[in-house]
Amino acid sequence: MVPVGKGKPRRARREFTPEFKAEIVELCRRGDRTISQVVTDFDLVDSAVRRWIAQAEAEANPRSGMRCRRRRSWRRCGGRTPGCSGMSIF
């Protein structure tokens, strides 16, 4: 962990495989556990898991509206378009 100012130390950025993300999304979709429970069980960040879910839904339904405003598809943008923070995970 790297100390940041006076607050609590910041955790090193972690990278997850597309397979792991898909597994987490599936656990959340099943409905036997809440997103918060999955986040706690796997020591993840709530916002990241919710983003993975939204991205998986966008991948499954290209017309869902979750696209980069400046490019035709979320996947092609990958967050590299100025002003867009999205990243395709699958």
N, C-alpha and C. Protein backbone atom coordinates (compact mmCIF):
# COMPACT_ATOMS: atom_id res chain seq x y z
N MET A 1 0.83 -1.18 0.00
CA MET A 1 0.00 0.00 0.00
C MET A 1 0.88 1.24 0.00
N VAL A 2 0.44 2.23 -0.74
CA VAL A 2 1.19 3.46 -0.86
C VAL A 2 0.47 4.55 -0.07
N PRO A 3 1.16 5.22 0.85
CA PRO A 3 0.49 6.27 1.62
C PRO A 3 0.14 7.46 0.73
N VAL A 4 -1.04 8.03 0.98
CA VAL A 4 -1.50 9.19 0.22
C VAL A 4 -1.91 10.25 1.22
N GLY A 5 -1.14 11.31 1.31
CA GLY A 5 -1.49 12.40 2.21
C GLY A 5 -1.67 11.93 3.64
N LYS A 6 -2.70 12.49 4.30
CA LYS A 6 -2.97 12.16 5.69
C LYS A 6 -4.02 11.07 5.85
N GLY A 7 -4.72 10.73 4.76
CA GLY A 7 -5.78 9.72 4.82
C GLY A 7 -5.22 8.32 4.94
N LYS A 8 -6.08 7.36 4.76
CA LYS A 8 -5.63 5.97 4.85
C LYS A 8 -4.82 5.60 3.61
N PRO A 9 -3.96 4.61 3.74
CA PRO A 9 -3.12 4.21 2.61
C PRO A 9 -3.96 3.70 1.44
N ARG A 10 -3.48 3.94 0.26
CA ARG A 10 -4.18 3.53 -0.95
C ARG A 10 -3.70 2.14 -1.36
N ARG A 11 -4.65 1.29 -1.72
CA ARG A 11 -4.32 -0.06 -2.16
C ARG A 11 -3.75 -0.01 -3.58
N ALA A 12 -2.79 -0.86 -3.86
CA ALA A 12 -2.23 -0.94 -5.20
C ALA A 12 -3.33 -1.34 -6.19
N ARG A 13 -3.30 -0.75 -7.36
CA ARG A 13 -4.31 -1.06 -8.38
C ARG A 13 -4.18 -2.52 -8.81
N ARG A 14 -5.32 -3.20 -8.83
CA ARG A 14 -5.33 -4.60 -9.22
C ARG A 14 -5.93 -4.76 -10.60
N GLU A 15 -5.51 -5.78 -11.31
CA GLU A 15 -6.08 -6.09 -12.63
C GLU A 15 -6.75 -7.45 -12.55
N PHE A 16 -7.88 -7.56 -13.21
CA PHE A 16 -8.65 -8.80 -13.19
C PHE A 16 -8.85 -9.30 -14.62
N THR A 17 -8.85 -10.60 -14.77
CA THR A 17 -9.04 -11.19 -16.10
C THR A 17 -10.50 -11.06 -16.52
N PRO A 18 -10.76 -11.07 -17.81
CA PRO A 18 -12.15 -11.05 -18.28
C PRO A 18 -12.96 -12.22 -17.73
N GLU A 19 -12.32 -13.37 -17.54
CA GLU A 19 -13.01 -14.54 -17.00
C GLU A 19 -13.46 -14.29 -15.56
N PHE A 20 -12.59 -13.68 -14.76
CA PHE A 20 -12.95 -13.37 -13.38
C PHE A 20 -14.11 -12.37 -13.35
N LYS A 21 -14.03 -11.34 -14.19
CA LYS A 21 -15.09 -10.34 -14.23
C LYS A 21 -16.42 -10.97 -14.63
N ALA A 22 -16.37 -11.87 -15.62
CA ALA A 22 -17.59 -12.55 -16.06
C ALA A 22 -18.17 -13.40 -14.94
N GLU A 23 -17.31 -14.04 -14.17
CA GLU A 23 -17.77 -14.86 -13.04
C GLU A 23 -18.45 -13.98 -11.98
N ILE A 24 -17.88 -12.84 -11.69
CA ILE A 24 -18.47 -11.92 -10.71
C ILE A 24 -19.82 -11.41 -11.22
N VAL A 25 -19.88 -11.06 -12.49
CA VAL A 25 -21.14 -10.59 -13.07
C VAL A 25 -22.21 -11.68 -12.96
N GLU A 26 -21.84 -12.91 -13.26
CA GLU A 26 -22.78 -14.03 -13.17
C GLU A 26 -23.27 -14.23 -11.73
N LEU A 27 -22.37 -14.14 -10.77
CA LEU A 27 -22.78 -14.28 -9.36
C LEU A 27 -23.80 -13.20 -8.98
N CYS A 28 -23.59 -11.99 -9.47
CA CYS A 28 -24.52 -10.90 -9.16
C CYS A 28 -25.86 -11.09 -9.86
N ARG A 29 -25.83 -11.61 -11.07
CA ARG A 29 -27.06 -11.81 -11.84
C ARG A 29 -27.92 -12.95 -11.30
N ARG A 30 -27.28 -13.95 -10.71
CA ARG A 30 -28.02 -15.10 -10.19
C ARG A 30 -29.09 -14.71 -9.20
N GLY A 31 -28.77 -13.74 -8.36
CA GLY A 31 -29.76 -13.23 -7.42
C GLY A 31 -29.74 -13.86 -6.04
N ASP A 32 -28.89 -14.86 -5.82
CA ASP A 32 -28.85 -15.46 -4.48
C ASP A 32 -27.99 -14.63 -3.52
N ARG A 33 -27.21 -13.69 -4.05
CA ARG A 33 -26.42 -12.76 -3.24
C ARG A 33 -26.57 -11.35 -3.81
N THR A 34 -26.54 -10.37 -2.94
CA THR A 34 -26.59 -8.99 -3.41
C THR A 34 -25.22 -8.59 -3.95
N ILE A 35 -25.18 -7.49 -4.70
CA ILE A 35 -23.91 -6.99 -5.20
C ILE A 35 -22.99 -6.68 -4.02
N SER A 36 -23.55 -6.10 -2.98
CA SER A 36 -22.74 -5.77 -1.79
C SER A 36 -22.11 -7.02 -1.17
N GLN A 37 -22.85 -8.11 -1.13
CA GLN A 37 -22.31 -9.35 -0.59
C GLN A 37 -21.17 -9.89 -1.45
N VAL A 38 -21.35 -9.84 -2.77
CA VAL A 38 -20.30 -10.30 -3.68
C VAL A 38 -19.06 -9.43 -3.53
N VAL A 39 -19.27 -8.12 -3.44
CA VAL A 39 -18.15 -7.19 -3.26
C VAL A 39 -17.38 -7.52 -1.99
N THR A 40 -18.09 -7.76 -0.92
CA THR A 40 -17.44 -8.09 0.36
C THR A 40 -16.74 -9.44 0.30
N ASP A 41 -17.41 -10.43 -0.26
CA ASP A 41 -16.84 -11.79 -0.32
C ASP A 41 -15.54 -11.84 -1.12
N PHE A 42 -15.44 -11.02 -2.17
CA PHE A 42 -14.27 -11.06 -3.04
C PHE A 42 -13.33 -9.87 -2.84
N ASP A 43 -13.60 -9.06 -1.82
CA ASP A 43 -12.77 -7.88 -1.51
C ASP A 43 -12.61 -6.99 -2.74
N LEU A 44 -13.75 -6.61 -3.31
CA LEU A 44 -13.77 -5.75 -4.50
C LEU A 44 -14.36 -4.39 -4.15
N VAL A 45 -14.36 -3.51 -5.13
CA VAL A 45 -14.93 -2.17 -4.96
C VAL A 45 -16.30 -2.16 -5.65
N ASP A 46 -17.30 -1.67 -4.95
CA ASP A 46 -18.68 -1.66 -5.44
C ASP A 46 -18.79 -1.02 -6.83
N SER A 47 -18.17 0.12 -7.03
CA SER A 47 -18.30 0.83 -8.30
C SER A 47 -17.72 0.02 -9.46
N ALA A 48 -16.64 -0.71 -9.22
CA ALA A 48 -16.04 -1.52 -10.27
C ALA A 48 -16.98 -2.66 -10.67
N VAL A 49 -17.56 -3.33 -9.69
CA VAL A 49 -18.48 -4.45 -9.99
C VAL A 49 -19.70 -3.94 -10.74
N ARG A 50 -20.25 -2.82 -10.31
CA ARG A 50 -21.41 -2.26 -11.02
C ARG A 50 -21.04 -1.87 -12.44
N ARG A 51 -19.83 -1.37 -12.65
CA ARG A 51 -19.38 -1.04 -14.00
C ARG A 51 -19.25 -2.31 -14.84
N TRP A 52 -18.71 -3.40 -14.25
CA TRP A 52 -18.59 -4.66 -14.98
C TRP A 52 -19.95 -5.17 -15.40
N ILE A 53 -20.94 -5.05 -14.51
CA ILE A 53 -22.30 -5.49 -14.82
C ILE A 53 -22.87 -4.68 -15.98
N ALA A 54 -22.72 -3.36 -15.89
CA ALA A 54 -23.24 -2.48 -16.95
C ALA A 54 -22.55 -2.76 -18.28
N GLN A 55 -21.25 -3.00 -18.24
CA GLN A 55 -20.51 -3.28 -19.47
C GLN A 55 -20.91 -4.62 -20.06
N ALA A 56 -21.15 -5.62 -19.21
CA ALA A 56 -21.58 -6.93 -19.69
C ALA A 56 -22.95 -6.81 -20.35
N GLU A 57 -23.84 -6.01 -19.76
CA GLU A 57 -25.15 -5.79 -20.36
C GLU A 57 -25.04 -5.08 -21.70
N ALA A 58 -24.13 -4.11 -21.79
CA ALA A 58 -23.91 -3.40 -23.05
C ALA A 58 -23.35 -4.33 -24.11
N GLU A 59 -22.48 -5.23 -23.70
CA GLU A 59 -21.92 -6.21 -24.64
C GLU A 59 -23.01 -7.17 -25.14
N ALA A 60 -23.90 -7.56 -24.25
CA ALA A 60 -24.96 -8.51 -24.60
C ALA A 60 -26.03 -7.84 -25.46
N ASN A 61 -26.25 -6.55 -25.25
CA ASN A 61 -27.28 -5.82 -25.98
C ASN A 61 -26.68 -4.53 -26.51
N PRO A 62 -26.12 -4.55 -27.71
CA PRO A 62 -25.44 -3.37 -28.25
C PRO A 62 -26.33 -2.14 -28.36
N ARG A 63 -27.62 -2.31 -28.38
CA ARG A 63 -28.53 -1.17 -28.50
C ARG A 63 -28.98 -0.64 -27.14
N SER A 64 -28.32 -1.07 -26.07
CA SER A 64 -28.73 -0.68 -24.72
C SER A 64 -28.43 0.78 -24.41
N GLY A 65 -27.64 1.44 -25.25
CA GLY A 65 -27.36 2.84 -25.03
C GLY A 65 -26.07 3.11 -24.29
N MET A 66 -25.39 2.09 -23.80
CA MET A 66 -24.14 2.32 -23.10
C MET A 66 -23.01 2.34 -24.12
N ARG A 67 -22.83 3.48 -24.72
CA ARG A 67 -21.83 3.62 -25.75
C ARG A 67 -21.08 4.93 -25.55
N CYS A 68 -19.96 5.00 -26.17
CA CYS A 68 -19.22 6.25 -26.17
C CYS A 68 -19.99 7.24 -27.03
N ARG A 69 -20.11 8.46 -26.57
CA ARG A 69 -20.84 9.47 -27.32
C ARG A 69 -20.16 9.82 -28.63
N ARG A 70 -18.86 9.61 -28.70
CA ARG A 70 -18.11 10.08 -29.86
C ARG A 70 -17.72 8.98 -30.83
N ARG A 71 -17.96 7.76 -30.48
CA ARG A 71 -17.65 6.66 -31.40
C ARG A 71 -18.89 5.78 -31.51
N ARG A 72 -18.87 4.90 -32.47
CA ARG A 72 -20.06 4.09 -32.73
C ARG A 72 -20.28 2.98 -31.71
N SER A 73 -19.24 2.44 -31.14
CA SER A 73 -19.48 1.36 -30.19
C SER A 73 -18.58 1.48 -28.97
N TRP A 74 -19.07 0.96 -27.88
CA TRP A 74 -18.35 0.95 -26.61
C TRP A 74 -17.04 0.18 -26.76
N ARG A 75 -17.11 -0.96 -27.41
CA ARG A 75 -15.94 -1.83 -27.53
C ARG A 75 -14.82 -1.14 -28.30
N ARG A 76 -15.15 -0.47 -29.40
CA ARG A 76 -14.11 0.17 -30.19
C ARG A 76 -13.49 1.36 -29.47
N CYS A 77 -14.26 2.05 -28.66
CA CYS A 77 -13.75 3.21 -27.95
C CYS A 77 -12.75 2.78 -26.90
N GLY A 78 -13.15 1.86 -26.05
CA GLY A 78 -12.26 1.39 -25.00
C GLY A 78 -11.79 2.48 -24.05
N GLY A 79 -12.51 3.60 -24.03
CA GLY A 79 -12.15 4.68 -23.12
C GLY A 79 -11.04 5.57 -23.63
N ARG A 80 -10.60 5.34 -24.86
CA ARG A 80 -9.49 6.13 -25.39
C ARG A 80 -9.94 7.43 -26.03
N THR A 81 -11.24 7.60 -26.24
CA THR A 81 -11.74 8.84 -26.82
C THR A 81 -11.69 9.94 -25.76
N PRO A 82 -11.14 11.12 -26.09
CA PRO A 82 -11.12 12.21 -25.11
C PRO A 82 -12.52 12.50 -24.60
N GLY A 83 -12.67 12.59 -23.29
CA GLY A 83 -13.96 12.87 -22.69
C GLY A 83 -14.77 11.63 -22.36
N CYS A 84 -14.26 10.45 -22.70
CA CYS A 84 -14.96 9.20 -22.41
C CYS A 84 -14.10 8.40 -21.46
N SER A 85 -14.70 7.89 -20.39
CA SER A 85 -13.90 7.13 -19.42
C SER A 85 -14.19 5.64 -19.49
N GLY A 86 -14.95 5.19 -20.45
CA GLY A 86 -15.35 3.79 -20.51
C GLY A 86 -14.24 2.86 -20.96
N MET A 87 -14.32 1.62 -20.48
CA MET A 87 -13.37 0.59 -20.88
C MET A 87 -14.13 -0.70 -21.10
N SER A 88 -13.93 -1.34 -22.22
CA SER A 88 -14.54 -2.63 -22.48
C SER A 88 -13.79 -3.70 -21.68
N ILE A 89 -14.53 -4.62 -21.08
CA ILE A 89 -13.86 -5.65 -20.27
C ILE A 89 -13.92 -7.01 -20.90
N PHE A 90 -14.76 -7.20 -21.88
CA PHE A 90 -14.91 -8.54 -22.46
C PHE A 90 -14.49 -8.56 -23.89
